[in-house]
Amino acid sequence: MKTRIISGIIGIILLLLVVMTGGIALKLGVLIISIIGIREFKNAFSNINIKITNYLYLYSVVLFSLSLFNSYILINFSIIINFLIIMFIYVFNKEYNINEIGLNLLASIYIPFSLVHISLLSDNKLIWLIFIIAFSTDTFAYFTGRLFGKRKLAKVISPNKTIEGAIGGLIGSILATLIFVSFMNLKNLYIFILLAFLCSLASMIGDLTASKIKRYIKIKDYGNIMPGHGGVLDRFDSILFIAPLLFYFINYFI
């Protein structure tokens, strides 16, 4: 627990510094996290002899380069090119079967594409909501589940999670968002309540998705870059789902 607390504090300090600095520092930070995340994903699936192509590292660099222009249109267009490249790998490389190619396509969207949306919000004060909603959902769900949890949410995937905890996470994320909105003197409270609700749901789906993948591979954590917390994908499992949802919600509704 002591190691977990210390590494958690160090992680939070680094996160605060990078997000507050913003700009190129934040974009580089996202690139580094993407590369580490892909490596963890690649190593995890190698345990069951499923190959993840090194091309995904290149795609992360491409997305980083596009993020320098802050153009989500170019980044969205990259999905098409990314799809064609992965299909090219499948057609001309006999080492990859169709299931592996499908997983590689999923990984390209799941990790680098999802994370790059953090970079696109580098100059927007609402970027903090990505982390506020993720952390408040997780924290409130944990303590509500411990105090009142009775009915299992997803017994096979994550036996400790409860429906009561999930409700607590939703309520906690909304309260944390409203505190942030009040502090920043923002309007349209009902829009932010809806945003918090949707992103909190996405956060829990992200958490359960990571848990199910790890159960399939039969590993406890993706890595050990943060002692007591696991790897990058263990810590960013919720953020991977929140970042793109929050980015497009802000662009279209706020």
Protein backbone atom coordinates (compact mmCIF):
# COMPACT_ATOMS: atom_id res chain seq x y z
CA MET A 1 0.00 0.00 0.00
CA LYS A 2 2.90 2.37 0.81
CA THR A 3 4.44 1.75 -2.61
CA ARG A 4 1.04 2.20 -4.26
CA ILE A 5 0.48 5.56 -2.52
CA ILE A 6 3.97 6.89 -3.32
CA SER A 7 3.83 5.92 -6.99
CA GLY A 8 0.29 7.30 -7.20
CA ILE A 9 1.38 10.67 -5.81
CA ILE A 10 4.33 10.83 -8.22
CA GLY A 11 2.02 9.95 -11.10
CA ILE A 12 -0.47 12.68 -10.16
CA ILE A 13 2.30 15.29 -9.86
CA LEU A 14 3.67 14.39 -13.31
CA LEU A 15 0.16 14.48 -14.77
CA LEU A 16 -0.52 17.91 -13.28
CA LEU A 17 2.77 19.31 -14.55
CA VAL A 18 2.29 18.02 -18.10
CA VAL A 19 -1.36 19.10 -18.41
CA MET A 20 -0.67 22.53 -16.90
CA THR A 21 2.27 23.04 -19.27
CA GLY A 22 0.16 21.98 -22.25
CA GLY A 23 1.32 22.55 -25.83
CA ILE A 24 4.16 20.45 -27.17
CA ALA A 25 4.96 19.01 -23.74
CA LEU A 26 1.46 17.55 -23.43
CA LYS A 27 1.49 16.24 -27.00
CA LEU A 28 4.87 14.57 -26.43
CA GLY A 29 3.57 13.11 -23.20
CA VAL A 30 0.59 11.61 -25.03
CA LEU A 31 2.94 10.17 -27.68
CA ILE A 32 5.10 8.54 -25.01
CA ILE A 33 2.04 7.08 -23.27
CA SER A 34 0.76 5.77 -26.62
CA ILE A 35 4.06 4.04 -27.39
CA ILE A 36 4.27 2.50 -23.92
CA GLY A 37 0.63 1.44 -24.15
CA ILE A 38 1.18 -0.27 -27.51
CA ARG A 39 4.23 -2.05 -26.13
CA GLU A 40 2.21 -3.30 -23.14
CA PHE A 41 -0.59 -4.46 -25.44
CA LYS A 42 1.89 -6.17 -27.75
CA ASN A 43 3.67 -7.95 -24.89
CA ALA A 44 0.38 -9.00 -23.28
CA PHE A 45 -0.95 -10.69 -26.40
CA SER A 46 2.40 -12.32 -27.12
CA ASN A 47 1.63 -14.48 -24.08
CA ILE A 48 -1.04 -16.22 -26.13
CA ASN A 49 0.93 -16.10 -29.40
CA ILE A 50 -1.04 -13.28 -31.01
CA LYS A 51 1.09 -10.81 -32.97
CA ILE A 52 0.70 -7.04 -32.80
CA THR A 53 2.49 -5.24 -35.64
CA ASN A 54 5.20 -2.65 -34.96
CA TYR A 55 3.43 -0.41 -37.48
CA LEU A 56 1.25 0.83 -34.59
CA TYR A 57 4.28 2.72 -33.22
CA LEU A 58 4.52 4.56 -36.52
CA TYR A 59 0.81 5.36 -36.44
CA SER A 60 1.29 6.90 -32.99
CA VAL A 61 4.01 9.17 -34.40
CA VAL A 62 1.78 10.12 -37.34
CA LEU A 63 -1.05 11.05 -34.98
CA PHE A 64 1.36 13.09 -32.86
CA SER A 65 2.48 14.97 -35.99
CA LEU A 66 -1.12 15.65 -36.99
CA SER A 67 -1.96 16.83 -33.48
CA LEU A 68 0.58 19.63 -33.91
CA PHE A 69 -1.89 21.15 -36.41
CA ASN A 70 -4.77 20.67 -33.95
CA SER A 71 -6.91 19.33 -36.79
CA TYR A 72 -9.30 16.57 -35.78
CA ILE A 73 -10.40 16.36 -39.43
CA LEU A 74 -6.92 15.17 -40.45
CA ILE A 75 -6.82 12.79 -37.50
CA ASN A 76 -10.19 11.32 -38.42
CA PHE A 77 -9.06 10.96 -42.04
CA SER A 78 -6.01 9.04 -40.79
CA ILE A 79 -8.34 6.22 -39.72
CA ILE A 80 -9.03 5.45 -43.38
CA ILE A 81 -5.32 5.41 -44.27
CA ASN A 82 -4.64 3.37 -41.15
CA PHE A 83 -7.26 0.82 -42.21
CA LEU A 84 -5.73 0.52 -45.69
CA ILE A 85 -2.22 0.04 -44.28
CA ILE A 86 -3.34 -2.68 -41.88
CA MET A 87 -5.19 -4.44 -44.70
CA PHE A 88 -2.02 -4.13 -46.81
CA ILE A 89 -0.10 -5.86 -44.03
CA TYR A 90 -2.68 -8.65 -44.00
CA VAL A 91 -2.59 -9.15 -47.78
CA PHE A 92 1.19 -9.13 -48.20
CA ASN A 93 2.40 -10.60 -44.91
CA LYS A 94 1.57 -14.27 -44.37
CA GLU A 95 2.55 -14.09 -40.70
CA TYR A 96 -0.73 -12.40 -39.75
CA ASN A 97 -4.08 -14.15 -39.81
CA ILE A 98 -7.44 -12.36 -40.07
CA ASN A 99 -8.06 -12.47 -36.29
CA GLU A 100 -4.72 -10.82 -35.60
CA ILE A 101 -5.36 -8.15 -38.21
CA GLY A 102 -8.74 -7.42 -36.62
CA LEU A 103 -7.06 -7.07 -33.22
CA ASN A 104 -4.39 -4.77 -34.70
CA LEU A 105 -7.09 -2.54 -36.17
CA LEU A 106 -8.83 -2.46 -32.81
CA ALA A 107 -5.55 -1.65 -31.03
CA SER A 108 -4.84 1.27 -33.39
CA ILE A 109 -8.13 2.90 -32.41
CA TYR A 110 -8.15 1.73 -28.79
CA ILE A 111 -4.75 3.20 -27.89
CA PRO A 112 -3.12 5.88 -30.11
CA PHE A 113 -6.27 7.22 -31.78
CA SER A 114 -8.16 7.51 -28.48
CA LEU A 115 -5.25 9.09 -26.64
CA VAL A 116 -4.49 11.71 -29.30
CA HIS A 117 -7.76 13.46 -28.39
CA ILE A 118 -6.09 14.53 -25.16
CA SER A 119 -3.55 16.40 -27.33
CA LEU A 120 -6.37 18.10 -29.24
CA LEU A 121 -7.62 19.59 -25.96
CA SER A 122 -4.18 20.86 -24.88
CA ASP A 123 -5.27 24.52 -25.02
CA ASN A 124 -8.74 23.97 -23.62
CA LYS A 125 -9.41 24.27 -19.89
CA LEU A 126 -12.05 21.53 -20.19
CA ILE A 127 -9.22 19.02 -20.67
CA TRP A 128 -9.25 18.64 -16.88
CA LEU A 129 -12.67 16.99 -17.10
CA ILE A 130 -11.08 13.93 -18.73
CA PHE A 131 -9.18 13.21 -15.53
CA ILE A 132 -11.72 14.62 -13.08
CA ILE A 133 -14.49 12.36 -14.41
CA ALA A 134 -12.24 9.30 -14.67
CA PHE A 135 -10.81 9.64 -11.16
CA SER A 136 -14.08 10.67 -9.47
CA THR A 137 -15.98 7.80 -11.11
CA ASP A 138 -13.36 5.30 -9.95
CA THR A 139 -13.05 6.75 -6.43
CA PHE A 140 -16.77 7.15 -5.71
CA ALA A 141 -17.56 3.75 -7.22
CA TYR A 142 -14.94 2.12 -4.99
CA PHE A 143 -16.10 3.65 -1.71
CA THR A 144 -19.82 3.39 -2.49
CA GLY A 145 -19.33 -0.24 -3.44
CA ARG A 146 -17.41 -0.92 -0.23
CA LEU A 147 -20.13 0.68 1.91
CA PHE A 148 -23.33 -0.29 0.14
CA GLY A 149 -22.43 -2.78 -2.59
CA LYS A 150 -24.57 -5.92 -2.71
CA ARG A 151 -25.54 -6.68 -6.31
CA LYS A 152 -22.72 -7.65 -8.67
CA LEU A 153 -22.27 -5.50 -11.79
CA ALA A 154 -20.22 -7.94 -13.87
CA LYS A 155 -19.43 -10.94 -11.69
CA VAL A 156 -17.37 -12.91 -14.20
CA ILE A 157 -15.30 -9.94 -15.44
CA SER A 158 -14.76 -8.03 -12.21
CA PRO A 159 -16.31 -9.69 -9.12
CA ASN A 160 -15.65 -6.73 -6.80
CA LYS A 161 -17.69 -4.21 -8.81
CA THR A 162 -21.30 -3.67 -7.82
CA ILE A 163 -24.36 -1.91 -9.24
CA GLU A 164 -24.46 0.30 -6.15
CA GLY A 165 -20.83 1.23 -6.73
CA ALA A 166 -21.55 2.10 -10.36
CA ILE A 167 -24.41 4.38 -9.30
CA GLY A 168 -22.11 6.02 -6.75
CA GLY A 169 -19.50 6.54 -9.48
CA LEU A 170 -22.06 8.23 -11.73
CA ILE A 171 -23.27 10.54 -8.97
CA GLY A 172 -19.71 11.30 -7.84
CA SER A 173 -18.58 12.20 -11.35
CA ILE A 174 -21.54 14.58 -11.78
CA LEU A 175 -20.82 16.27 -8.44
CA ALA A 176 -17.11 16.62 -9.25
CA THR A 177 -17.95 18.05 -12.67
CA LEU A 178 -20.38 20.57 -11.18
CA ILE A 179 -17.73 21.71 -8.68
CA PHE A 180 -15.27 22.20 -11.55
CA VAL A 181 -17.86 24.02 -13.67
CA SER A 182 -18.74 26.33 -10.75
CA PHE A 183 -15.07 27.00 -10.03
CA MET A 184 -14.45 27.88 -13.70
CA ASN A 185 -17.61 30.00 -13.77
CA LEU A 186 -19.07 28.10 -16.75
CA LYS A 187 -22.70 28.09 -17.86
CA ASN A 188 -25.00 25.42 -19.32
CA LEU A 189 -24.96 23.23 -16.22
CA TYR A 190 -27.40 20.70 -17.68
CA ILE A 191 -25.10 20.11 -20.65
CA PHE A 192 -22.21 19.43 -18.29
CA ILE A 193 -24.35 17.07 -16.22
CA LEU A 194 -25.13 15.11 -19.39
CA LEU A 195 -21.44 15.16 -20.34
CA ALA A 196 -20.41 13.85 -16.91
CA PHE A 197 -23.05 11.11 -17.05
CA LEU A 198 -21.99 9.88 -20.50
CA CYS A 199 -18.28 10.07 -19.76
CA SER A 200 -18.73 8.30 -16.44
CA LEU A 201 -20.52 5.46 -18.23
CA ALA A 202 -17.69 5.40 -20.78
CA SER A 203 -15.19 5.29 -17.92
CA MET A 204 -16.80 2.20 -16.42
CA ILE A 205 -17.07 0.50 -19.81
CA GLY A 206 -13.38 1.23 -20.37
CA ASP A 207 -12.49 -0.27 -17.01
CA LEU A 208 -14.55 -3.41 -17.63
CA THR A 209 -13.18 -3.75 -21.16
CA ALA A 210 -9.60 -3.76 -19.87
CA SER A 211 -10.56 -6.27 -17.17
CA LYS A 212 -12.15 -8.62 -19.70
CA ILE A 213 -9.13 -8.41 -22.02
CA LYS A 214 -6.78 -9.21 -19.14
CA ARG A 215 -8.93 -12.15 -18.09
CA TYR A 216 -8.85 -13.45 -21.65
CA ILE A 217 -5.05 -13.20 -21.73
CA LYS A 218 -4.84 -14.40 -18.10
CA ILE A 219 -2.70 -11.56 -16.77
CA LYS A 220 -3.19 -9.37 -13.69
CA ASP A 221 -1.71 -6.15 -15.08
CA TYR A 222 -0.49 -4.92 -18.45
CA GLY A 223 2.80 -3.75 -16.97
CA ASN A 224 4.56 -2.45 -13.86
CA ILE A 225 5.63 1.05 -14.86
CA MET A 226 3.74 2.35 -11.79
CA PRO A 227 4.48 0.04 -8.83
CA GLY A 228 1.25 -1.00 -7.19
CA HIS A 229 -0.84 0.37 -10.05
CA GLY A 230 0.28 -1.69 -13.05
CA GLY A 231 1.05 -0.34 -16.49
CA VAL A 232 -0.08 2.61 -18.59
CA LEU A 233 -3.09 0.71 -19.94
CA ASP A 234 -4.12 -0.21 -16.40
CA ARG A 235 -4.18 3.45 -15.39
CA PHE A 236 -5.58 4.86 -18.64
CA ASP A 237 -8.23 2.20 -19.34
CA SER A 238 -11.03 4.65 -18.53
CA ILE A 239 -9.37 7.67 -20.12
CA LEU A 240 -9.06 5.78 -23.43
CA PHE A 241 -12.86 5.81 -23.63
CA ILE A 242 -13.48 9.25 -22.13
CA ALA A 243 -11.03 11.37 -24.17
CA PRO A 244 -12.60 11.04 -27.65
CA LEU A 245 -16.16 11.17 -26.28
CA LEU A 246 -15.46 14.33 -24.30
CA PHE A 247 -13.60 15.98 -27.19
CA TYR A 248 -16.43 15.55 -29.71
CA PHE A 249 -19.12 16.39 -27.15
CA ILE A 250 -17.36 19.67 -26.42
CA ASN A 251 -16.93 20.47 -30.11
CA TYR A 252 -20.57 19.85 -31.00
CA PHE A 253 -22.52 20.82 -27.89
CA ILE A 254 -20.49 23.31 -25.83
